[in-house]
Amino acid sequence: MKKGDILESDSSISFHKMGVPALVSPMVLRSHNLGQIDIAFLERRTDKTWVLNIIETKSSHYPSVHQMKRLRKTQDYLSRVLEMPAKLEVKFCQKVDPTLSF
């Protein structure tokens, strides 16, 4: 298993506990020329509304300008389709560690 896959797997466990996990088909995103996402979950706010949280996990380098543009387009697309606000965050970790916490 690649380092990035382990990071994504470990961090998804933590993030998915924060809300309702959301699966987004890579085929749908690719068909619209959008960036694929690592982790997504729905979070209920105190005012009883929902927000989609999109997390891009990185183990060593920053996302390229091109990748960030595609991810922002993904954020916009999912927000419009789901008719709710969406937040995009990039989370970094220097090395893979089973005790990883964000």
PDB file of N, CA and C in Angstrom:
ATOM      1  N   MET A   1       0.846  -1.177   0.000  1.00  0.00           N
ATOM      2  CA  MET A   1       0.000   0.000   0.000  1.00  0.00           C
ATOM      3  C   MET A   1       0.892   1.242   0.000  1.00  0.00           C
ATOM      4  N   LYS A   2       0.550   2.204  -0.838  1.00  0.00           N
ATOM      5  CA  LYS A   2       1.339   3.428  -0.934  1.00  0.00           C
ATOM      6  C   LYS A   2       1.137   4.314   0.290  1.00  0.00           C
ATOM      7  N   LYS A   3       2.160   5.119   0.567  1.00  0.00           N
ATOM      8  CA  LYS A   3       2.146   6.023   1.716  1.00  0.00           C
ATOM      9  C   LYS A   3       0.899   6.915   1.725  1.00  0.00           C
ATOM     10  N   GLY A   4       0.557   7.506   0.566  1.00  0.00           N
ATOM     11  CA  GLY A   4      -0.616   8.378   0.481  1.00  0.00           C
ATOM     12  C   GLY A   4      -1.915   7.637   0.749  1.00  0.00           C
ATOM     13  N   ASP A   5      -1.992   6.382   0.303  1.00  0.00           N
ATOM     14  CA  ASP A   5      -3.199   5.579   0.533  1.00  0.00           C
ATOM     15  C   ASP A   5      -3.377   5.281   2.014  1.00  0.00           C
ATOM     16  N   ILE A   6      -2.265   5.004   2.700  1.00  0.00           N
ATOM     17  CA  ILE A   6      -2.328   4.738   4.142  1.00  0.00           C
ATOM     18  C   ILE A   6      -2.774   5.991   4.885  1.00  0.00           C
ATOM     19  N   LEU A   7      -2.198   7.142   4.513  1.00  0.00           N
ATOM     20  CA  LEU A   7      -2.579   8.418   5.131  1.00  0.00           C
ATOM     21  C   LEU A   7      -4.071   8.672   4.940  1.00  0.00           C
ATOM     22  N   GLU A   8      -4.541   8.501   3.709  1.00  0.00           N
ATOM     23  CA  GLU A   8      -5.958   8.733   3.418  1.00  0.00           C
ATOM     24  C   GLU A   8      -6.849   7.790   4.219  1.00  0.00           C
ATOM     25  N   SER A   9      -6.474   6.525   4.280  1.00  0.00           N
ATOM     26  CA  SER A   9      -7.260   5.542   5.019  1.00  0.00           C
ATOM     27  C   SER A   9      -7.322   5.878   6.505  1.00  0.00           C
ATOM     28  N   ASP A  10      -6.163   6.176   7.085  1.00  0.00           N
ATOM     29  CA  ASP A  10      -6.119   6.499   8.518  1.00  0.00           C
ATOM     30  C   ASP A  10      -6.897   7.769   8.839  1.00  0.00           C
ATOM     31  N   SER A  11      -6.719   8.789   8.017  1.00  0.00           N
ATOM     32  CA  SER A  11      -7.386  10.057   8.310  1.00  0.00           C
ATOM     33  C   SER A  11      -8.882   9.992   8.034  1.00  0.00           C
ATOM     34  N   SER A  12      -9.302   9.154   7.081  1.00  0.00           N
ATOM     35  CA  SER A  12     -10.736   9.057   6.799  1.00  0.00           C
ATOM     36  C   SER A  12     -11.501   8.521   8.008  1.00  0.00           C
ATOM     37  N   ILE A  13     -10.882   7.646   8.758  1.00  0.00           N
ATOM     38  CA  ILE A  13     -11.525   7.115   9.967  1.00  0.00           C
ATOM     39  C   ILE A  13     -11.837   8.254  10.935  1.00  0.00           C
ATOM     40  N   SER A  14     -10.874   9.144  11.144  1.00  0.00           N
ATOM     41  CA  SER A  14     -11.073  10.282  12.054  1.00  0.00           C
ATOM     42  C   SER A  14     -12.130  11.241  11.535  1.00  0.00           C
ATOM     43  N   PHE A  15     -12.020  11.603  10.261  1.00  0.00           N
ATOM     44  CA  PHE A  15     -12.942  12.584   9.701  1.00  0.00           C
ATOM     45  C   PHE A  15     -14.373  12.055   9.614  1.00  0.00           C
ATOM     46  N   HIS A  16     -14.527  10.800   9.260  1.00  0.00           N
ATOM     47  CA  HIS A  16     -15.881  10.261   9.108  1.00  0.00           C
ATOM     48  C   HIS A  16     -16.626  10.168  10.432  1.00  0.00           C
ATOM     49  N   LYS A  17     -15.899  10.190  11.540  1.00  0.00           N
ATOM     50  CA  LYS A  17     -16.538  10.222  12.860  1.00  0.00           C
ATOM     51  C   LYS A  17     -17.150  11.593  13.150  1.00  0.00           C
ATOM     52  N   MET A  18     -16.765  12.607  12.360  1.00  0.00           N
ATOM     53  CA  MET A  18     -17.231  13.976  12.591  1.00  0.00           C
ATOM     54  C   MET A  18     -18.563  14.266  11.915  1.00  0.00           C
ATOM     55  N   GLY A  19     -19.076  13.308  11.159  1.00  0.00           N
ATOM     56  CA  GLY A  19     -20.332  13.537  10.452  1.00  0.00           C
ATOM     57  C   GLY A  19     -20.759  12.292   9.706  1.00  0.00           C
ATOM     58  N   VAL A  20     -21.560  12.486   8.694  1.00  0.00           N
ATOM     59  CA  VAL A  20     -22.068  11.384   7.880  1.00  0.00           C
ATOM     60  C   VAL A  20     -21.144  11.220   6.670  1.00  0.00           C
ATOM     61  N   PRO A  21     -20.471  10.073   6.546  1.00  0.00           N
ATOM     62  CA  PRO A  21     -19.581   9.879   5.404  1.00  0.00           C
ATOM     63  C   PRO A  21     -20.332  10.038   4.080  1.00  0.00           C
ATOM     64  N   ALA A  22     -19.663  10.653   3.116  1.00  0.00           N
ATOM     65  CA  ALA A  22     -20.259  10.846   1.791  1.00  0.00           C
ATOM     66  C   ALA A  22     -19.328  10.238   0.749  1.00  0.00           C
ATOM     67  N   LEU A  23     -19.882   9.392  -0.087  1.00  0.00           N
ATOM     68  CA  LEU A  23     -19.107   8.796  -1.174  1.00  0.00           C
ATOM     69  C   LEU A  23     -19.463   9.517  -2.464  1.00  0.00           C
ATOM     70  N   VAL A  24     -18.449   9.951  -3.174  1.00  0.00           N
ATOM     71  CA  VAL A  24     -18.649  10.651  -4.438  1.00  0.00           C
ATOM     72  C   VAL A  24     -17.940   9.850  -5.519  1.00  0.00           C
ATOM     73  N   SER A  25     -18.683   9.457  -6.523  1.00  0.00           N
ATOM     74  CA  SER A  25     -18.139   8.625  -7.585  1.00  0.00           C
ATOM     75  C   SER A  25     -17.046   9.349  -8.377  1.00  0.00           C
ATOM     76  N   PRO A  26     -15.847   8.753  -8.461  1.00  0.00           N
ATOM     77  CA  PRO A  26     -14.798   9.350  -9.287  1.00  0.00           C
ATOM     78  C   PRO A  26     -15.209   9.419 -10.763  1.00  0.00           C
ATOM     79  N   MET A  27     -16.038   8.475 -11.196  1.00  0.00           N
ATOM     80  CA  MET A  27     -16.490   8.477 -12.596  1.00  0.00           C
ATOM     81  C   MET A  27     -17.340   9.710 -12.889  1.00  0.00           C
ATOM     82  N   VAL A  28     -18.197  10.083 -11.949  1.00  0.00           N
ATOM     83  CA  VAL A  28     -19.033  11.280 -12.130  1.00  0.00           C
ATOM     84  C   VAL A  28     -18.147  12.514 -12.193  1.00  0.00           C
ATOM     85  N   LEU A  29     -17.196  12.601 -11.274  1.00  0.00           N
ATOM     86  CA  LEU A  29     -16.306  13.762 -11.255  1.00  0.00           C
ATOM     87  C   LEU A  29     -15.468  13.834 -12.533  1.00  0.00           C
ATOM     88  N   ARG A  30     -14.920  12.697 -12.956  1.00  0.00           N
ATOM     89  CA  ARG A  30     -14.122  12.675 -14.185  1.00  0.00           C
ATOM     90  C   ARG A  30     -14.954  13.070 -15.399  1.00  0.00           C
ATOM     91  N   SER A  31     -16.214  12.632 -15.430  1.00  0.00           N
ATOM     92  CA  SER A  31     -17.068  12.935 -16.591  1.00  0.00           C
ATOM     93  C   SER A  31     -17.330  14.440 -16.719  1.00  0.00           C
ATOM     94  N   HIS A  32     -17.167  15.178 -15.625  1.00  0.00           N
ATOM     95  CA  HIS A  32     -17.340  16.635 -15.637  1.00  0.00           C
ATOM     96  C   HIS A  32     -15.996  17.362 -15.593  1.00  0.00           C
ATOM     97  N   ASN A  33     -14.901  16.596 -15.779  1.00  0.00           N
ATOM     98  CA  ASN A  33     -13.544  17.133 -15.749  1.00  0.00           C
ATOM     99  C   ASN A  33     -13.237  17.844 -14.428  1.00  0.00           C
ATOM    100  N   LEU A  34     -13.658  17.206 -13.335  1.00  0.00           N
ATOM    101  CA  LEU A  34     -13.462  17.758 -11.994  1.00  0.00           C
ATOM    102  C   LEU A  34     -12.407  16.953 -11.252  1.00  0.00           C
ATOM    103  N   GLY A  35     -11.882  17.538 -10.178  1.00  0.00           N
ATOM    104  CA  GLY A  35     -10.896  16.847  -9.360  1.00  0.00           C
ATOM    105  C   GLY A  35     -11.539  15.799  -8.479  1.00  0.00           C
ATOM    106  N   GLN A  36     -10.861  14.669  -8.337  1.00  0.00           N
ATOM    107  CA  GLN A  36     -11.345  13.624  -7.445  1.00  0.00           C
ATOM    108  C   GLN A  36     -11.015  14.002  -6.011  1.00  0.00           C
ATOM    109  N   ILE A  37     -11.836  13.544  -5.089  1.00  0.00           N
ATOM    110  CA  ILE A  37     -11.649  13.934  -3.695  1.00  0.00           C
ATOM    111  C   ILE A  37     -11.236  12.738  -2.856  1.00  0.00           C
ATOM    112  N   ASP A  38     -10.493  13.006  -1.788  1.00  0.00           N
ATOM    113  CA  ASP A  38     -10.033  11.947  -0.893  1.00  0.00           C
ATOM    114  C   ASP A  38     -11.103  11.568   0.119  1.00  0.00           C
ATOM    115  N   ILE A  39     -11.631  12.569   0.812  1.00  0.00           N
ATOM    116  CA  ILE A  39     -12.577  12.326   1.907  1.00  0.00           C
ATOM    117  C   ILE A  39     -13.687  13.362   1.841  1.00  0.00           C
ATOM    118  N   ALA A  40     -14.911  12.918   2.088  1.00  0.00           N
ATOM    119  CA  ALA A  40     -16.040  13.853   2.165  1.00  0.00           C
ATOM    120  C   ALA A  40     -17.004  13.367   3.246  1.00  0.00           C
ATOM    121  N   PHE A  41     -17.547  14.324   3.977  1.00  0.00           N
ATOM    122  CA  PHE A  41     -18.576  13.973   4.960  1.00  0.00           C
ATOM    123  C   PHE A  41     -19.516  15.154   5.153  1.00  0.00           C
ATOM    124  N   LEU A  42     -20.742  14.828   5.529  1.00  0.00           N
ATOM    125  CA  LEU A  42     -21.754  15.840   5.817  1.00  0.00           C
ATOM    126  C   LEU A  42     -21.737  16.123   7.310  1.00  0.00           C
ATOM    127  N   GLU A  43     -21.740  17.394   7.642  1.00  0.00           N
ATOM    128  CA  GLU A  43     -21.723  17.806   9.043  1.00  0.00           C
ATOM    129  C   GLU A  43     -22.946  18.654   9.327  1.00  0.00           C
ATOM    130  N   ARG A  44     -23.640  18.332  10.404  1.00  0.00           N
ATOM    131  CA  ARG A  44     -24.821  19.108  10.796  1.00  0.00           C
ATOM    132  C   ARG A  44     -24.380  20.258  11.686  1.00  0.00           C
ATOM    133  N   ARG A  45     -24.772  21.455  11.286  1.00  0.00           N
ATOM    134  CA  ARG A  45     -24.423  22.650  12.049  1.00  0.00           C
ATOM    135  C   ARG A  45     -25.395  22.845  13.203  1.00  0.00           C
ATOM    136  N   THR A  46     -25.046  23.744  14.093  1.00  0.00           N
ATOM    137  CA  THR A  46     -25.900  24.000  15.258  1.00  0.00           C
ATOM    138  C   THR A  46     -27.245  24.595  14.846  1.00  0.00           C
ATOM    139  N   ASP A  47     -27.280  25.261  13.671  1.00  0.00           N
ATOM    140  CA  ASP A  47     -28.548  25.841  13.209  1.00  0.00           C
ATOM    141  C   ASP A  47     -29.390  24.835  12.409  1.00  0.00           C
ATOM    142  N   LYS A  48     -29.029  23.544  12.516  1.00  0.00           N
ATOM    143  CA  LYS A  48     -29.751  22.417  11.889  1.00  0.00           C
ATOM    144  C   LYS A  48     -29.576  22.332  10.375  1.00  0.00           C
ATOM    145  N   THR A  49     -28.657  23.116   9.798  1.00  0.00           N
ATOM    146  CA  THR A  49     -28.366  23.003   8.371  1.00  0.00           C
ATOM    147  C   THR A  49     -27.166  22.072   8.196  1.00  0.00           C
ATOM    148  N   TRP A  50     -26.948  21.646   6.970  1.00  0.00           N
ATOM    149  CA  TRP A  50     -25.849  20.738   6.663  1.00  0.00           C
ATOM    150  C   TRP A  50     -24.796  21.441   5.826  1.00  0.00           C
ATOM    151  N   VAL A  51     -23.559  20.987   5.970  1.00  0.00           N
ATOM    152  CA  VAL A  51     -22.452  21.458   5.142  1.00  0.00           C
ATOM    153  C   VAL A  51     -21.651  20.225   4.701  1.00  0.00           C
ATOM    154  N   LEU A  52     -21.213  20.236   3.447  1.00  0.00           N
ATOM    155  CA  LEU A  52     -20.369  19.164   2.932  1.00  0.00           C
ATOM    156  C   LEU A  52     -18.915  19.558   3.147  1.00  0.00           C
ATOM    157  N   ASN A  53     -18.180  18.730   3.859  1.00  0.00           N
ATOM    158  CA  ASN A  53     -16.753  18.950   4.090  1.00  0.00           C
ATOM    159  C   ASN A  53     -15.971  18.061   3.128  1.00  0.00           C
ATOM    160  N   ILE A  54     -15.101  18.674   2.343  1.00  0.00           N
ATOM    161  CA  ILE A  54     -14.260  17.954   1.396  1.00  0.00           C
ATOM    162  C   ILE A  54     -12.823  18.099   1.884  1.00  0.00           C
ATOM    163  N   ILE A  55     -12.156  16.969   2.079  1.00  0.00           N
ATOM    164  CA  ILE A  55     -10.799  16.971   2.610  1.00  0.00           C
ATOM    165  C   ILE A  55      -9.854  16.369   1.570  1.00  0.00           C
ATOM    166  N   GLU A  56      -8.790  17.091   1.265  1.00  0.00           N
ATOM    167  CA  GLU A  56      -7.709  16.583   0.415  1.00  0.00           C
ATOM    168  C   GLU A  56      -6.534  16.316   1.341  1.00  0.00           C
ATOM    169  N   THR A  57      -6.084  15.064   1.415  1.00  0.00           N
ATOM    170  CA  THR A  57      -4.965  14.714   2.287  1.00  0.00           C
ATOM    171  C   THR A  57      -3.670  14.692   1.487  1.00  0.00           C
ATOM    172  N   LYS A  58      -2.627  15.242   2.068  1.00  0.00           N
ATOM    173  CA  LYS A  58      -1.310  15.286   1.435  1.00  0.00           C
ATOM    174  C   LYS A  58      -0.268  14.783   2.418  1.00  0.00           C
ATOM    175  N   SER A  59       0.637  13.941   1.921  1.00  0.00           N
ATOM    176  CA  SER A  59       1.681  13.411   2.799  1.00  0.00           C
ATOM    177  C   SER A  59       3.010  14.131   2.643  1.00  0.00           C
ATOM    178  N   SER A  60       3.260  14.754   1.493  1.00  0.00           N
ATOM    179  CA  SER A  60       4.569  15.368   1.337  1.00  0.00           C
ATOM    180  C   SER A  60       4.565  16.715   0.620  1.00  0.00           C
ATOM    181  N   HIS A  61       3.813  16.876  -0.423  1.00  0.00           N
ATOM    182  CA  HIS A  61       3.898  18.118  -1.189  1.00  0.00           C
ATOM    183  C   HIS A  61       2.553  18.824  -1.259  1.00  0.00           C
ATOM    184  N   TYR A  62       2.633  20.089  -1.568  1.00  0.00           N
ATOM    185  CA  TYR A  62       1.422  20.893  -1.702  1.00  0.00           C
ATOM    186  C   TYR A  62       0.692  20.530  -2.994  1.00  0.00           C
ATOM    187  N   PRO A  63      -0.627  20.676  -3.005  1.00  0.00           N
ATOM    188  CA  PRO A  63      -1.333  20.442  -4.269  1.00  0.00           C
ATOM    189  C   PRO A  63      -0.925  21.497  -5.294  1.00  0.00           C
ATOM    190  N   SER A  64      -0.874  21.090  -6.548  1.00  0.00           N
ATOM    191  CA  SER A  64      -0.518  22.036  -7.602  1.00  0.00           C
ATOM    192  C   SER A  64      -1.654  23.035  -7.797  1.00  0.00           C
ATOM    193  N   VAL A  65      -1.345  24.129  -8.456  1.00  0.00           N
ATOM    194  CA  VAL A  65      -2.362  25.134  -8.772  1.00  0.00           C
ATOM    195  C   VAL A  65      -3.468  24.489  -9.593  1.00  0.00           C
ATOM    196  N   HIS A  66      -3.068  23.644 -10.548  1.00  0.00           N
ATOM    197  CA  HIS A  66      -4.048  22.955 -11.402  1.00  0.00           C
ATOM    198  C   HIS A  66      -4.960  22.046 -10.567  1.00  0.00           C
ATOM    199  N   GLN A  67      -4.370  21.291  -9.629  1.00  0.00           N
ATOM    200  CA  GLN A  67      -5.172  20.406  -8.789  1.00  0.00           C
ATOM    201  C   GLN A  67      -6.139  21.199  -7.914  1.00  0.00           C
ATOM    202  N   MET A  68      -5.681  22.314  -7.368  1.00  0.00           N
ATOM    203  CA  MET A  68      -6.559  23.134  -6.529  1.00  0.00           C
ATOM    204  C   MET A  68      -7.713  23.721  -7.336  1.00  0.00           C
ATOM    205  N   LYS A  69      -7.452  24.122  -8.576  1.00  0.00           N
ATOM    206  CA  LYS A  69      -8.531  24.633  -9.431  1.00  0.00           C
ATOM    207  C   LYS A  69      -9.591  23.556  -9.642  1.00  0.00           C
ATOM    208  N   ARG A  70      -9.133  22.348  -9.938  1.00  0.00           N
ATOM    209  CA  ARG A  70     -10.071  21.240 -10.164  1.00  0.00           C
ATOM    210  C   ARG A  70     -10.856  20.914  -8.888  1.00  0.00           C
ATOM    211  N   LEU A  71     -10.185  20.941  -7.738  1.00  0.00           N
ATOM    212  CA  LEU A  71     -10.871  20.670  -6.478  1.00  0.00           C
ATOM    213  C   LEU A  71     -11.886  21.762  -6.152  1.00  0.00           C
ATOM    214  N   ARG A  72     -11.562  23.005  -6.452  1.00  0.00           N
ATOM    215  CA  ARG A  72     -12.527  24.093  -6.220  1.00  0.00           C
ATOM    216  C   ARG A  72     -13.741  23.938  -7.136  1.00  0.00           C
ATOM    217  N   LYS A  73     -13.505  23.487  -8.363  1.00  0.00           N
ATOM    218  CA  LYS A  73     -14.625  23.219  -9.275  1.00  0.00           C
ATOM    219  C   LYS A  73     -15.476  22.067  -8.745  1.00  0.00           C
ATOM    220  N   THR A  74     -14.823  21.070  -8.167  1.00  0.00           N
ATOM    221  CA  THR A  74     -15.548  19.960  -7.549  1.00  0.00           C
ATOM    222  C   THR A  74     -16.398  20.465  -6.395  1.00  0.00           C
ATOM    223  N   GLN A  75     -15.817  21.314  -5.559  1.00  0.00           N
ATOM    224  CA  GLN A  75     -16.534  21.905  -4.428  1.00  0.00           C
ATOM    225  C   GLN A  75     -17.769  22.651  -4.916  1.00  0.00           C
ATOM    226  N   ASP A  76     -17.610  23.470  -5.933  1.00  0.00           N
ATOM    227  CA  ASP A  76     -18.725  24.237  -6.478  1.00  0.00           C
ATOM    228  C   ASP A  76     -19.805  23.313  -7.053  1.00  0.00           C
ATOM    229  N   TYR A  77     -19.388  22.324  -7.813  1.00  0.00           N
ATOM    230  CA  TYR A  77     -20.332  21.386  -8.435  1.00  0.00           C
ATOM    231  C   TYR A  77     -21.148  20.645  -7.368  1.00  0.00           C
ATOM    232  N   LEU A  78     -20.465  20.082  -6.367  1.00  0.00           N
ATOM    233  CA  LEU A  78     -21.179  19.322  -5.335  1.00  0.00           C
ATOM    234  C   LEU A  78     -22.093  20.219  -4.510  1.00  0.00           C
ATOM    235  N   SER A  79     -21.678  21.438  -4.264  1.00  0.00           N
ATOM    236  CA  SER A  79     -22.512  22.383  -3.532  1.00  0.00           C
ATOM    237  C   SER A  79     -23.807  22.663  -4.289  1.00  0.00           C
ATOM    238  N   ARG A  80     -23.678  22.843  -5.603  1.00  0.00           N
ATOM    239  CA  ARG A  80     -24.875  23.107  -6.413  1.00  0.00           C
ATOM    240  C   ARG A  80     -25.774  21.877  -6.509  1.00  0.00           C
ATOM    241  N   VAL A  81     -25.187  20.702  -6.716  1.00  0.00           N
ATOM    242  CA  VAL A  81     -25.975  19.473  -6.854  1.00  0.00           C
ATOM    243  C   VAL A  81     -26.704  19.143  -5.548  1.00  0.00           C
ATOM    244  N   LEU A  82     -26.005  19.285  -4.430  1.00  0.00           N
ATOM    245  CA  LEU A  82     -26.592  18.947  -3.133  1.00  0.00           C
ATOM    246  C   LEU A  82     -27.380  20.093  -2.515  1.00  0.00           C
ATOM    247  N   GLU A  83     -27.284  21.265  -3.128  1.00  0.00           N
ATOM    248  CA  GLU A  83     -27.956  22.464  -2.627  1.00  0.00           C
ATOM    249  C   GLU A  83     -27.619  22.742  -1.167  1.00  0.00           C
ATOM    250  N   MET A  84     -26.307  22.738  -0.903  1.00  0.00           N
ATOM    251  CA  MET A  84     -25.810  23.058   0.438  1.00  0.00           C
ATOM    252  C   MET A  84     -24.403  23.614   0.312  1.00  0.00           C
ATOM    253  N   PRO A  85     -23.961  24.359   1.311  1.00  0.00           N
ATOM    254  CA  PRO A  85     -22.591  24.869   1.267  1.00  0.00           C
ATOM    255  C   PRO A  85     -21.584  23.722   1.348  1.00  0.00           C
ATOM    256  N   ALA A  86     -20.412  23.948   0.787  1.00  0.00           N
ATOM    257  CA  ALA A  86     -19.330  22.965   0.848  1.00  0.00           C
ATOM    258  C   ALA A  86     -18.037  23.673   1.234  1.00  0.00           C
ATOM    259  N   LYS A  87     -17.250  23.008   2.071  1.00  0.00           N
ATOM    260  CA  LYS A  87     -15.953  23.524   2.501  1.00  0.00           C
ATOM    261  C   LYS A  87     -14.873  22.600   1.958  1.00  0.00           C
ATOM    262  N   LEU A  88     -13.791  23.182   1.470  1.00  0.00           N
ATOM    263  CA  LEU A  88     -12.652  22.420   0.978  1.00  0.00           C
ATOM    264  C   LEU A  88     -11.452  22.708   1.866  1.00  0.00           C
ATOM    265  N   GLU A  89     -10.825  21.647   2.370  1.00  0.00           N
ATOM    266  CA  GLU A  89      -9.641  21.797   3.215  1.00  0.00           C
ATOM    267  C   GLU A  89      -8.546  20.862   2.735  1.00  0.00           C
ATOM    268  N   VAL A  90      -7.312  21.310   2.845  1.00  0.00           N
ATOM    269  CA  VAL A  90      -6.157  20.468   2.569  1.00  0.00           C
ATOM    270  C   VAL A  90      -5.479  20.194   3.902  1.00  0.00           C
ATOM    271  N   LYS A  91      -5.279  18.915   4.204  1.00  0.00           N
ATOM    272  CA  LYS A  91      -4.643  18.515   5.460  1.00  0.00           C
ATOM    273  C   LYS A  91      -3.306  17.865   5.146  1.00  0.00           C
ATOM    274  N   PHE A  92      -2.277  18.270   5.869  1.00  0.00           N
ATOM    275  CA  PHE A  92      -0.926  17.778   5.632  1.00  0.00           C
ATOM    276  C   PHE A  92      -0.436  16.929   6.793  1.00  0.00           C
ATOM    277  N   CYS A  93       0.409  15.971   6.481  1.00  0.00           N
ATOM    278  CA  CYS A  93       1.079  15.154   7.481  1.00  0.00           C
ATOM    279  C   CYS A  93       2.471  14.852   6.944  1.00  0.00           C
ATOM    280  N   GLN A  94       3.505  15.047   7.754  1.00  0.00           N
ATOM    281  CA  GLN A  94       4.884  14.830   7.308  1.00  0.00           C
ATOM    282  C   GLN A  94       5.186  13.361   7.061  1.00  0.00           C
ATOM    283  N   LYS A  95       4.656  12.482   7.892  1.00  0.00           N
ATOM    284  CA  LYS A  95       4.896  11.056   7.685  1.00  0.00           C
ATOM    285  C   LYS A  95       3.672  10.292   8.151  1.00  0.00           C
ATOM    286  N   VAL A  96       3.549   9.107   7.633  1.00  0.00           N
ATOM    287  CA  VAL A  96       2.415   8.254   7.987  1.00  0.00           C
ATOM    288  C   VAL A  96       2.658   7.687   9.371  1.00  0.00           C
ATOM    289  N   ASP A  97       1.665   7.821  10.211  1.00  0.00           N
ATOM    290  CA  ASP A  97       1.767   7.392  11.585  1.00  0.00           C
ATOM    291  C   ASP A  97       0.400   6.880  12.019  1.00  0.00           C
ATOM    292  N   PRO A  98       0.304   5.665  12.560  1.00  0.00           N
ATOM    293  CA  PRO A  98      -1.008   5.146  12.969  1.00  0.00           C
ATOM    294  C   PRO A  98      -1.704   5.997  14.018  1.00  0.00           C
ATOM    295  N   THR A  99      -0.953   6.819  14.752  1.00  0.00           N
ATOM    296  CA  THR A  99      -1.572   7.683  15.764  1.00  0.00           C
ATOM    297  C   THR A  99      -1.918   9.033  15.191  1.00  0.00           C
ATOM    298  N   LEU A 100      -1.930   9.141  13.864  1.00  0.00           N
ATOM    299  CA  LEU A 100      -2.224  10.402  13.180  1.00  0.00           C
ATOM    300  C   LEU A 100      -3.515  11.019  13.683  1.00  0.00           C
ATOM    301  N   SER A 101      -3.459  12.281  14.020  1.00  0.00           N
ATOM    302  CA  SER A 101      -4.668  12.986  14.406  1.00  0.00           C
ATOM    303  C   SER A 101      -4.626  14.382  13.817  1.00  0.00           C
ATOM    304  N   PHE A 102      -5.771  14.896  13.468  1.00  0.00           N
ATOM    305  CA  PHE A 102      -5.872  16.229  12.878  1.00  0.00           C
ATOM    306  C   PHE A 102      -6.562  17.155  13.839  1.00  0.00           C
TER     307      PHE A 102
END
